[in-house]
């Protein structure tokens, strides 16, 4: 009986792996088609001129929660304020920080408290104060001070309660945005019909040169963990999300950077205040709202890099991040499982959620069982080593080639010197042995915490900042080397 079970399980794992590899091939093909489709006939200079001079140019609210970000808050707020867009506001939500985050903003931007009629359209922790700047160059800045909500979703809801414009960007306060990030995301909003959300590509800023909140030079990290994460980001955005976008089946819009239709987000109830995967949760709620009321919708991934973010630089911070993501993933399925296999919810119910459940949610479980089974067979002499090596090499070469594809995609976008990508090639070679096992174990730990009912909160990232003299980077840039899961289907961010 034991041999029959092991034999059957071996075949199941084999066909599961083949199906996963086939899905990756399909996503590569779809992402290539979507990239070609997203190429615009009008030049960016011409589009900029239209937006800058048109009375119909839509306003955009940038909402960024801040919790204990004193090391980077000034540079990051300046980055958000430097957007090349005629009509926008920056809403920083101080989520009960215990350090000098709020004080540093008050000092640097000459903030003063003003009376404000706070209308709670979406439930959030109690509002305390509103600040604006006395200086004209910071007139677009507003700072909301509130009680800590325990998750990122809660302060974003508070920011939505004071947002004035029809579109909003959800980003992290540690993110560095490209100057034309708004324009790149508004463009598909106005060019295509029924677009409710647009996702821009994110990348790691840990080794980049940043001056006064502006990214001056893009560099690929040297530190191992940020280097592996850079490769993850490329896979997630350039293949995973671009492919899903082509069939309007995006699983999420990254919590690090994404643009949304404000009215639909509010009508859908905003973010679930207790969600630890707020990016997937918000998009699921918005699509669910559209499907419930029979509204057409479109979610788009663009191939341009809009945002750079500082990620975990050591294993301890990576552990905290991925445990939270694993907890958030199982939390999302527990909350929205009713949508799965329902024709009413279109691609979300028929394609996206079943795929994520089969190939992302249960993948760490299958991997762990498979590894334990292999060890048992190895010690009991039950492994056909010739066949095992062939299967291993086949899958290893496939994964390596997949990484080479996304590295080439990034080269086409950035045109950096080729030798810089040798680090990414090395990361692609080593990732299955030195990085992926940790991601698998951390995800399972997140599942276990959810099953046991343990509460996880949105904690500190302990960022080094861009002006830390001990960071080891040129001109004060932190060599501190969030990132997506190994699976390229979806990505959440810090």
Protein backbone atom coordinates (compact mmCIF):
# COMPACT_ATOMS: atom_id res chain seq x y z
CA UNK A 1 0.00 0.00 0.00
CA UNK A 2 2.85 2.36 0.89
CA UNK A 3 4.48 1.80 -2.48
CA UNK A 4 1.22 2.53 -4.30
CA UNK A 5 0.80 5.81 -2.40
CA UNK A 6 4.37 6.89 -3.14
CA UNK A 7 4.04 5.85 -6.78
CA UNK A 8 0.79 7.77 -7.17
CA UNK A 9 2.18 10.83 -5.41
CA UNK A 10 5.23 10.81 -7.69
CA UNK A 11 3.06 10.94 -10.77
CA UNK A 12 0.88 13.66 -9.29
CA UNK A 13 3.93 15.82 -8.59
CA UNK A 14 5.25 15.16 -12.09
CA UNK A 15 2.03 16.23 -13.81
CA UNK A 16 1.66 19.16 -11.41
CA UNK A 17 5.14 20.37 -12.35
CA UNK A 18 4.46 19.94 -16.06
CA UNK A 19 1.22 21.92 -15.75
CA UNK A 20 3.03 24.70 -13.88
CA UNK A 21 5.78 24.87 -16.49
CA UNK A 22 3.20 24.99 -19.27
CA UNK A 23 1.41 27.86 -17.52
CA UNK A 24 4.71 29.78 -17.38
CA UNK A 25 5.22 29.28 -21.10
CA UNK A 26 1.71 30.59 -21.73
CA UNK A 27 2.36 33.63 -19.50
CA UNK A 28 5.58 34.38 -21.40
CA UNK A 29 3.68 34.32 -24.70
CA UNK A 30 0.83 36.44 -23.31
CA UNK A 31 3.24 38.95 -21.74
CA UNK A 32 5.01 39.38 -25.07
CA UNK A 33 1.70 40.09 -26.80
CA UNK A 34 0.63 42.50 -24.06
CA UNK A 35 3.95 44.35 -24.24
CA UNK A 36 3.50 44.81 -27.97
CA UNK A 37 -0.12 45.88 -27.49
CA UNK A 38 0.85 48.48 -24.91
CA UNK A 39 3.21 50.27 -27.28
CA UNK A 40 1.73 53.66 -28.08
CA UNK A 41 1.63 55.33 -31.46
CA UNK A 42 1.73 58.81 -29.92
CA UNK A 43 5.03 60.04 -28.50
CA UNK A 44 5.33 60.64 -24.77
CA UNK A 45 6.30 64.28 -25.40
CA UNK A 46 3.11 64.88 -27.37
CA UNK A 47 0.98 63.18 -24.70
CA UNK A 48 2.66 65.23 -21.97
CA UNK A 49 1.82 68.44 -23.85
CA UNK A 50 -1.84 67.40 -24.14
CA UNK A 51 -2.15 66.54 -20.44
CA UNK A 52 -0.31 69.68 -19.32
CA UNK A 53 -2.63 71.98 -21.28
CA UNK A 54 -5.98 70.23 -21.26
CA UNK A 55 -8.72 71.48 -18.88
CA UNK A 56 -9.95 67.86 -18.69
CA UNK A 57 -6.76 66.44 -17.24
CA UNK A 58 -7.85 64.36 -14.21
CA UNK A 59 -6.49 64.98 -10.74
CA UNK A 60 -4.68 62.22 -8.84
CA UNK A 61 -4.34 61.67 -5.09
CA UNK A 62 -1.15 59.92 -3.94
CA UNK A 63 -1.87 58.09 -0.66
CA UNK A 64 1.15 56.82 1.30
CA UNK A 65 0.99 55.40 4.86
CA UNK A 66 3.97 56.00 7.14
CA UNK A 67 4.84 54.01 10.23
CA UNK A 68 8.20 54.62 11.93
CA UNK A 69 9.91 55.85 8.75
CA UNK A 70 12.08 58.62 10.25
CA UNK A 71 15.20 57.51 8.37
CA UNK A 72 13.71 58.01 4.90
CA UNK A 73 10.57 60.11 5.33
CA UNK A 74 11.96 63.45 4.11
CA UNK A 75 13.53 62.09 0.91
CA UNK A 76 10.50 59.96 0.16
CA UNK A 77 7.98 62.77 0.59
CA UNK A 78 10.09 64.97 -1.69
CA UNK A 79 10.06 62.19 -4.25
CA UNK A 80 6.27 61.99 -4.14
CA UNK A 81 5.99 65.77 -4.46
CA UNK A 82 8.27 65.87 -7.51
CA UNK A 83 5.74 64.28 -9.89
CA UNK A 84 5.57 65.85 -13.34
CA UNK A 85 1.78 66.17 -13.38
CA UNK A 86 -0.30 69.36 -13.37
CA UNK A 87 -2.96 68.32 -10.86
CA UNK A 88 -2.22 66.08 -7.90
CA UNK A 89 -2.03 65.94 -4.11
CA UNK A 90 0.17 63.93 -1.76
CA UNK A 91 -1.54 62.52 1.33
CA UNK A 92 0.86 61.12 3.94
CA UNK A 93 -0.93 59.15 6.64
CA UNK A 94 1.07 58.95 9.86
CA UNK A 95 -0.20 55.66 11.25
CA UNK A 96 0.59 56.22 14.92
CA UNK A 97 4.38 56.26 14.46
CA UNK A 98 6.38 55.88 17.66
CA UNK A 99 9.54 57.55 16.33
CA UNK A 100 10.09 61.07 14.92
CA UNK A 101 8.38 60.47 11.57
CA UNK A 102 5.75 63.16 12.14
CA UNK A 103 8.16 65.61 13.81
CA UNK A 104 10.60 65.37 10.91
CA UNK A 105 7.85 66.17 8.41
CA UNK A 106 6.68 69.12 10.52
CA UNK A 107 10.21 70.52 10.67
CA UNK A 108 11.22 69.93 7.05
CA UNK A 109 7.99 70.97 5.34
CA UNK A 110 6.92 73.70 7.79
CA UNK A 111 3.64 71.96 8.59
CA UNK A 112 0.86 73.54 10.63
CA UNK A 113 -2.25 71.92 12.05
CA UNK A 114 -5.50 73.03 10.43
CA UNK A 115 -9.15 72.39 11.30
CA UNK A 116 -10.61 69.73 9.02
CA UNK A 117 -14.07 68.19 8.70
CA UNK A 118 -13.09 64.55 8.42
CA UNK A 119 -15.80 62.56 6.67
CA UNK A 120 -15.34 58.83 7.25
CA UNK A 121 -16.55 57.30 3.98
CA UNK A 122 -14.53 54.16 4.74
CA UNK A 123 -14.04 52.77 8.23
CA UNK A 124 -10.57 53.45 9.69
CA UNK A 125 -8.99 53.97 13.11
CA UNK A 126 -9.75 57.37 14.70
CA UNK A 127 -8.51 60.51 12.95
CA UNK A 128 -6.45 62.92 15.09
CA UNK A 129 -5.15 65.89 13.11
CA UNK A 130 -4.59 67.31 9.65
CA UNK A 131 -1.47 69.25 8.63
CA UNK A 132 -0.67 71.41 5.61
CA UNK A 133 2.48 73.32 4.71
CA UNK A 134 3.04 77.07 5.05
CA UNK A 135 5.39 76.97 2.07
CA UNK A 136 4.10 77.32 -1.47
CA UNK A 137 6.43 74.68 -2.91
CA UNK A 138 4.76 72.12 -0.65
CA UNK A 139 1.18 73.22 -1.14
CA UNK A 140 0.24 69.82 -2.58
CA UNK A 141 1.21 68.08 0.66
CA UNK A 142 -1.28 67.04 3.32
CA UNK A 143 -0.44 64.97 6.37
CA UNK A 144 -3.06 62.98 8.28
CA UNK A 145 -2.25 61.91 11.83
CA UNK A 146 -4.26 58.95 13.13
CA UNK A 147 -4.20 56.07 15.58
CA UNK A 148 -2.28 52.98 14.53
CA UNK A 149 -4.39 50.50 12.58
CA UNK A 150 -2.11 47.47 12.75
CA UNK A 151 -2.12 46.90 8.97
CA UNK A 152 -1.30 48.97 5.90
CA UNK A 153 -4.92 48.81 4.75
CA UNK A 154 -6.24 50.96 7.60
CA UNK A 155 -4.14 54.11 6.96
CA UNK A 156 -4.83 53.84 3.21
CA UNK A 157 -8.56 53.92 4.02
CA UNK A 158 -7.98 57.03 6.12
CA UNK A 159 -6.14 58.61 3.19
CA UNK A 160 -9.04 57.80 0.87
CA UNK A 161 -11.37 59.58 3.27
CA UNK A 162 -9.59 62.88 2.55
CA UNK A 163 -8.75 62.27 -1.13
CA UNK A 164 -10.22 64.83 -3.54
CA UNK A 165 -9.49 63.42 -6.99
CA UNK A 166 -11.08 60.75 -9.22
CA UNK A 167 -7.95 58.57 -9.24
CA UNK A 168 -5.64 57.64 -6.41
CA UNK A 169 -2.25 55.99 -6.21
CA UNK A 170 -1.58 53.57 -3.38
CA UNK A 171 2.13 53.51 -2.62
CA UNK A 172 4.53 53.08 0.28
CA UNK A 173 6.17 56.14 1.74
CA UNK A 174 9.58 54.53 1.28
CA UNK A 175 9.03 54.28 -2.48
CA UNK A 176 10.83 56.47 -5.01
CA UNK A 177 8.56 57.28 -7.96
CA UNK A 178 9.72 58.17 -11.44
CA UNK A 179 8.76 61.73 -12.32
CA UNK A 180 6.33 60.61 -15.01
CA UNK A 181 4.79 57.76 -12.99
CA UNK A 182 1.36 59.42 -12.85
CA UNK A 183 1.30 60.15 -16.56
CA UNK A 184 2.24 56.58 -17.47
CA UNK A 185 -0.67 55.22 -15.42
CA UNK A 186 -3.27 57.87 -16.27
CA UNK A 187 -2.67 57.32 -19.98
CA UNK A 188 -4.32 53.85 -20.17
CA UNK A 189 -7.03 55.11 -17.80
CA UNK A 190 -8.16 57.70 -20.35
CA UNK A 191 -7.24 55.84 -23.55
CA UNK A 192 -9.17 52.65 -22.79
CA UNK A 193 -12.69 52.18 -21.53
CA UNK A 194 -13.74 50.84 -18.12
CA UNK A 195 -10.22 50.75 -16.62
CA UNK A 196 -10.53 50.52 -12.82
CA UNK A 197 -6.85 49.97 -11.96
CA UNK A 198 -3.38 50.26 -13.51
CA UNK A 199 -0.22 48.65 -12.17
CA UNK A 200 3.25 49.99 -12.90
CA UNK A 201 6.46 47.97 -12.70
CA UNK A 202 8.33 48.15 -9.39
CA UNK A 203 12.02 47.55 -8.79
CA UNK A 204 14.50 47.43 -5.91
CA UNK A 205 16.14 50.75 -4.92
CA UNK A 206 18.67 49.38 -2.44
CA UNK A 207 21.72 49.85 -4.67
CA UNK A 208 20.42 52.82 -6.64
CA UNK A 209 21.75 56.36 -6.39
CA UNK A 210 19.10 58.65 -4.88
CA UNK A 211 19.53 62.38 -4.33
CA UNK A 212 16.82 64.53 -2.66
CA UNK A 213 14.17 61.91 -3.23
CA UNK A 214 15.00 61.46 -6.93
CA UNK A 215 16.50 58.30 -8.38
CA UNK A 216 19.57 59.40 -10.32
CA UNK A 217 21.00 56.04 -11.34
CA UNK A 218 19.55 52.52 -11.40
CA UNK A 219 21.89 49.84 -10.11
CA UNK A 220 21.41 46.14 -9.59
CA UNK A 221 22.07 45.24 -5.92
CA UNK A 222 25.17 43.40 -4.78
CA UNK A 223 23.72 42.09 -1.51
CA UNK A 224 22.29 38.57 -1.91
CA UNK A 225 18.73 39.01 -0.63
CA UNK A 226 17.96 42.22 -2.57
CA UNK A 227 19.59 40.65 -5.64
CA UNK A 228 17.28 37.64 -5.48
CA UNK A 229 14.33 39.96 -4.91
CA UNK A 230 15.23 41.99 -7.99
CA UNK A 231 14.95 38.83 -10.05
CA UNK A 232 11.60 38.07 -8.40
CA UNK A 233 10.26 41.50 -9.22
CA UNK A 234 11.24 41.12 -12.87
CA UNK A 235 9.51 37.74 -13.11
CA UNK A 236 6.41 38.92 -11.34
CA UNK A 237 5.86 42.10 -13.36
CA UNK A 238 7.39 41.49 -16.77
CA UNK A 239 6.03 37.97 -17.24
CA UNK A 240 3.39 37.23 -14.60
CA UNK A 241 1.38 40.42 -14.49
CA UNK A 242 1.92 41.39 -18.11
CA UNK A 243 0.58 37.97 -19.10
CA UNK A 244 -2.42 38.17 -16.78
CA UNK A 245 -3.14 41.69 -18.01
CA UNK A 246 -3.52 40.48 -21.58
CA UNK A 247 -6.53 38.33 -20.64
CA UNK A 248 -7.85 40.80 -18.03
CA UNK A 249 -7.15 38.36 -15.20
CA UNK A 250 -4.73 40.34 -13.02
CA UNK A 251 -4.52 38.75 -9.54
CA UNK A 252 -3.54 41.97 -7.78
CA UNK A 253 -2.18 45.47 -8.22
CA UNK A 254 0.95 45.80 -6.13
CA UNK A 255 0.54 47.52 -2.78
CA UNK A 256 3.81 49.32 -3.48
CA UNK A 257 2.50 51.17 -6.51
CA UNK A 258 -0.84 51.13 -8.30
CA UNK A 259 -3.46 53.56 -9.57
CA UNK A 260 -7.17 53.02 -8.89
CA UNK A 261 -10.53 54.54 -9.67
CA UNK A 262 -11.38 56.30 -6.40
CA UNK A 263 -15.16 56.05 -6.70
CA UNK A 264 -15.16 52.31 -7.40
CA UNK A 265 -12.67 51.67 -4.59
CA UNK A 266 -14.86 53.54 -2.11
CA UNK A 267 -18.08 51.94 -3.39
CA UNK A 268 -16.44 48.53 -2.98
CA UNK A 269 -15.87 49.35 0.69
CA UNK A 270 -12.21 50.34 0.52
CA UNK A 271 -9.54 48.07 1.91
CA UNK A 272 -10.34 45.38 4.46
CA UNK A 273 -8.87 46.95 7.59
CA UNK A 274 -7.59 43.58 8.86
CA UNK A 275 -6.07 42.46 5.55
CA UNK A 276 -2.38 41.55 5.39
CA UNK A 277 -2.56 41.19 1.59
CA UNK A 278 -4.25 44.49 0.92
CA UNK A 279 -3.19 44.61 -2.72
CA UNK A 280 -4.98 41.38 -3.63
CA UNK A 281 -7.84 42.13 -1.25
CA UNK A 282 -8.57 45.56 -2.78
CA UNK A 283 -8.57 44.37 -6.38
CA UNK A 284 -10.74 41.38 -5.48
CA UNK A 285 -13.26 43.68 -3.80
CA UNK A 286 -13.29 46.12 -6.73
CA UNK A 287 -13.76 43.36 -9.32
CA UNK A 288 -16.38 41.72 -7.11
CA UNK A 289 -18.25 45.02 -6.91
CA UNK A 290 -18.17 45.43 -10.71
CA UNK A 291 -19.37 41.86 -11.24
CA UNK A 292 -22.11 42.12 -8.60
CA UNK A 293 -23.52 45.20 -10.36
CA UNK A 294 -22.78 43.92 -13.87
CA UNK A 295 -20.28 46.69 -14.65
CA UNK A 296 -17.55 46.15 -17.25
CA UNK A 297 -14.00 46.49 -15.92
CA UNK A 298 -10.40 46.33 -17.09
CA UNK A 299 -7.19 46.02 -15.04
CA UNK A 300 -3.95 46.83 -16.84
CA UNK A 301 -0.25 46.21 -16.21
CA UNK A 302 2.10 48.59 -18.02
CA UNK A 303 5.70 47.58 -18.84
CA UNK A 304 7.31 50.85 -17.68
CA UNK A 305 9.06 51.07 -14.30
CA UNK A 306 7.19 53.59 -12.14
CA UNK A 307 8.53 52.89 -8.68
CA UNK A 308 11.61 51.79 -6.75
CA UNK A 309 11.40 50.54 -3.18
CA UNK A 310 13.86 49.66 -0.42
CA UNK A 311 13.45 46.04 0.57
CA UNK A 312 14.53 43.71 3.38
CA UNK A 313 18.29 43.52 3.63
CA UNK A 314 18.59 40.49 5.90
CA UNK A 315 16.93 37.15 6.50
CA UNK A 316 15.09 38.29 9.64
CA UNK A 317 13.27 41.10 7.83
CA UNK A 318 12.59 38.85 4.86
CA UNK A 319 11.09 36.30 7.27
CA UNK A 320 8.71 38.86 8.75
CA UNK A 321 7.66 40.06 5.32
CA UNK A 322 7.01 36.65 3.79
CA UNK A 323 5.25 35.27 6.87
CA UNK A 324 2.89 38.22 6.63
CA UNK A 325 2.35 37.59 2.92
CA UNK A 326 1.67 33.90 3.50
CA UNK A 327 -0.81 34.81 6.22
CA UNK A 328 -2.41 37.37 3.91
CA UNK A 329 -2.74 34.90 1.04
CA UNK A 330 -4.61 32.27 3.06
CA UNK A 331 -6.64 35.08 4.64
CA UNK A 332 -7.74 36.25 1.18
CA UNK A 333 -8.83 32.77 0.10
CA UNK A 334 -10.69 32.26 3.37
CA UNK A 335 -12.56 35.52 2.77
CA UNK A 336 -13.33 35.26 -0.96
CA UNK A 337 -13.48 31.51 -1.65
CA UNK A 338 -17.16 31.94 -2.61
CA UNK A 339 -16.04 33.65 -5.83
CA UNK A 340 -14.06 30.66 -7.05
CA UNK A 341 -15.49 28.80 -10.06
CA UNK A 342 -18.38 31.27 -10.28
CA UNK A 343 -19.15 32.45 -13.81
CA UNK A 344 -20.56 35.65 -12.34
CA UNK A 345 -17.04 36.75 -11.35
CA UNK A 346 -15.66 36.28 -14.86
CA UNK A 347 -11.89 35.78 -15.19
CA UNK A 348 -11.36 36.32 -11.46
CA UNK A 349 -13.60 33.41 -10.49
CA UNK A 350 -12.95 31.08 -13.42
CA UNK A 351 -9.21 31.58 -14.05
CA UNK A 352 -7.30 33.73 -11.57
CA UNK A 353 -8.43 32.36 -8.21
CA UNK A 354 -8.31 28.67 -9.23
CA UNK A 355 -4.83 29.19 -10.68
CA UNK A 356 -3.55 30.98 -7.58
CA UNK A 357 -5.04 28.33 -5.32
CA UNK A 358 -3.52 25.43 -7.25
CA UNK A 359 -0.16 26.86 -8.28
CA UNK A 360 0.63 29.36 -5.54
CA UNK A 361 -1.34 28.66 -2.40
CA UNK A 362 -0.77 24.90 -2.19
CA UNK A 363 2.63 24.97 -3.93
CA UNK A 364 4.66 25.33 -0.68
CA UNK A 365 2.73 22.39 0.83
CA UNK A 366 3.43 20.19 -2.19
CA UNK A 367 7.08 21.20 -2.20
CA UNK A 368 7.55 20.36 1.47
CA UNK A 369 5.81 16.99 1.16
CA UNK A 370 7.74 16.24 -2.00
CA UNK A 371 11.07 17.08 -0.38
CA UNK A 372 10.31 14.92 2.68
CA UNK A 373 9.17 12.07 0.42
CA UNK A 374 12.36 12.33 -1.62
CA UNK A 375 14.51 12.18 1.52
CA UNK A 376 12.62 9.10 2.70
CA UNK A 377 13.06 7.35 -0.64
CA UNK A 378 16.72 8.35 -0.81
CA UNK A 379 17.46 6.78 2.57
CA UNK A 380 15.44 3.64 1.81
CA UNK A 381 16.91 3.08 -1.64
CA UNK A 382 13.71 3.87 -3.49
CA UNK A 383 15.10 6.56 -5.83
CA UNK A 384 15.91 5.89 -9.45
CA UNK A 385 18.82 8.32 -9.52
CA UNK A 386 19.19 8.37 -13.27
CA UNK A 387 15.58 9.44 -13.79
CA UNK A 388 15.71 11.81 -10.80
CA UNK A 389 18.70 13.69 -12.21
CA UNK A 390 17.07 14.02 -15.62
CA UNK A 391 13.88 15.48 -14.11
CA UNK A 392 15.85 17.80 -11.85
CA UNK A 393 18.03 19.12 -14.67
CA UNK A 394 15.02 19.59 -16.94
CA UNK A 395 13.19 21.73 -14.36
CA UNK A 396 16.34 23.59 -13.32
CA UNK A 397 17.19 24.52 -16.91
CA UNK A 398 13.60 25.58 -17.56
CA UNK A 399 13.56 27.90 -14.53
CA UNK A 400 16.95 29.33 -15.48
CA UNK A 401 15.79 30.03 -19.03
CA UNK A 402 12.67 31.73 -17.64
CA UNK A 403 14.89 34.02 -15.59
CA UNK A 404 17.02 34.77 -18.65
CA UNK A 405 13.90 35.88 -20.50
CA UNK A 406 12.99 38.44 -17.82
CA UNK A 407 16.59 39.62 -17.57
CA UNK A 408 16.52 40.30 -21.30
CA UNK A 409 13.18 42.12 -20.90
CA UNK A 410 14.76 44.37 -18.29
CA UNK A 411 17.77 45.00 -20.52
CA UNK A 412 15.47 46.17 -23.31
CA UNK A 413 13.82 48.60 -20.87
CA UNK A 414 16.91 50.01 -19.12
CA UNK A 415 19.73 49.49 -21.64
CA UNK A 416 22.26 49.13 -18.83
CA UNK A 417 25.69 47.73 -19.59
CA UNK A 418 25.48 44.01 -20.13
CA UNK A 419 28.03 43.08 -17.46
CA UNK A 420 25.72 44.48 -14.77
CA UNK A 421 23.34 41.63 -15.50
CA UNK A 422 25.92 38.98 -14.67
CA UNK A 423 24.78 39.36 -11.06
CA UNK A 424 21.21 38.55 -12.04
CA UNK A 425 22.38 35.57 -14.07
CA UNK A 426 24.30 34.33 -11.02
CA UNK A 427 21.20 34.86 -8.88
CA UNK A 428 19.14 32.82 -11.36
CA UNK A 429 21.65 29.97 -11.06
CA UNK A 430 21.68 29.99 -7.24
CA UNK A 431 18.09 30.93 -6.42
CA UNK A 432 16.64 27.37 -6.28
CA UNK A 433 19.21 26.34 -3.66
CA UNK A 434 19.85 29.41 -1.49
CA UNK A 435 16.67 31.51 -1.67
CA UNK A 436 13.58 29.60 -2.73
CA UNK A 437 13.66 27.12 0.22
CA UNK A 438 13.44 30.04 2.66
CA UNK A 439 10.48 31.53 0.78
CA UNK A 440 8.69 28.19 0.91
CA UNK A 441 9.26 27.76 4.66
CA UNK A 442 8.31 31.36 5.48
CA UNK A 443 5.07 31.03 3.50
CA UNK A 444 4.17 27.85 5.37
CA UNK A 445 4.89 29.64 8.63
CA UNK A 446 2.38 32.32 7.59
CA UNK A 447 -0.22 29.65 6.82
CA UNK A 448 0.37 28.07 10.22
CA UNK A 449 -0.04 31.38 12.03
CA UNK A 450 -3.37 31.93 10.30
CA UNK A 451 -4.62 28.43 11.12
CA UNK A 452 -3.59 28.87 14.76
CA UNK A 453 -5.32 32.26 14.91
CA UNK A 454 -2.18 34.25 15.69
CA UNK A 455 -2.39 37.96 14.94
CA UNK A 456 0.20 39.55 12.67
CA UNK A 457 0.59 43.32 12.38
CA UNK A 458 2.15 45.63 9.80
CA UNK A 459 5.58 46.03 11.40
CA UNK A 460 8.66 48.10 10.81
CA UNK A 461 11.06 47.48 7.94
CA UNK A 462 14.00 49.10 9.79
CA UNK A 463 15.17 50.87 6.66
CA UNK A 464 18.69 52.27 6.53
CA UNK A 465 17.70 55.25 4.43
CA UNK A 466 19.41 57.03 1.58
CA UNK A 467 21.74 59.23 3.63
CA UNK A 468 23.18 56.67 6.00
CA UNK A 469 26.97 57.11 5.97
CA UNK A 470 27.42 53.49 7.01
CA UNK A 471 25.37 52.09 4.16
CA UNK A 472 28.33 51.48 1.92
CA UNK A 473 26.81 52.95 -1.19
CA UNK A 474 28.22 55.72 -3.33
CA UNK A 475 27.16 59.21 -2.25
CA UNK A 476 25.25 58.03 0.78
CA UNK A 477 22.81 55.71 -0.95
CA UNK A 478 21.85 52.77 1.19
CA UNK A 479 23.31 49.48 0.06
CA UNK A 480 20.50 47.91 1.99
CA UNK A 481 19.82 45.40 0.04
CA UNK A 482 9.97 43.87 -0.46
CA UNK A 483 9.55 41.45 -3.09
CA UNK A 484 7.10 38.96 -4.51
CA UNK A 485 6.86 35.26 -3.94
CA UNK A 486 8.84 32.89 -6.15
CA UNK A 487 5.64 32.17 -8.06
CA UNK A 488 5.39 34.69 -10.89
CA UNK A 489 1.62 34.80 -10.76
CA UNK A 490 1.31 37.52 -8.18
CA UNK A 491 3.27 39.94 -6.11
CA UNK A 492 2.64 41.85 -2.94
CA UNK A 493 4.96 44.41 -1.46
CA UNK A 494 5.93 45.89 1.80
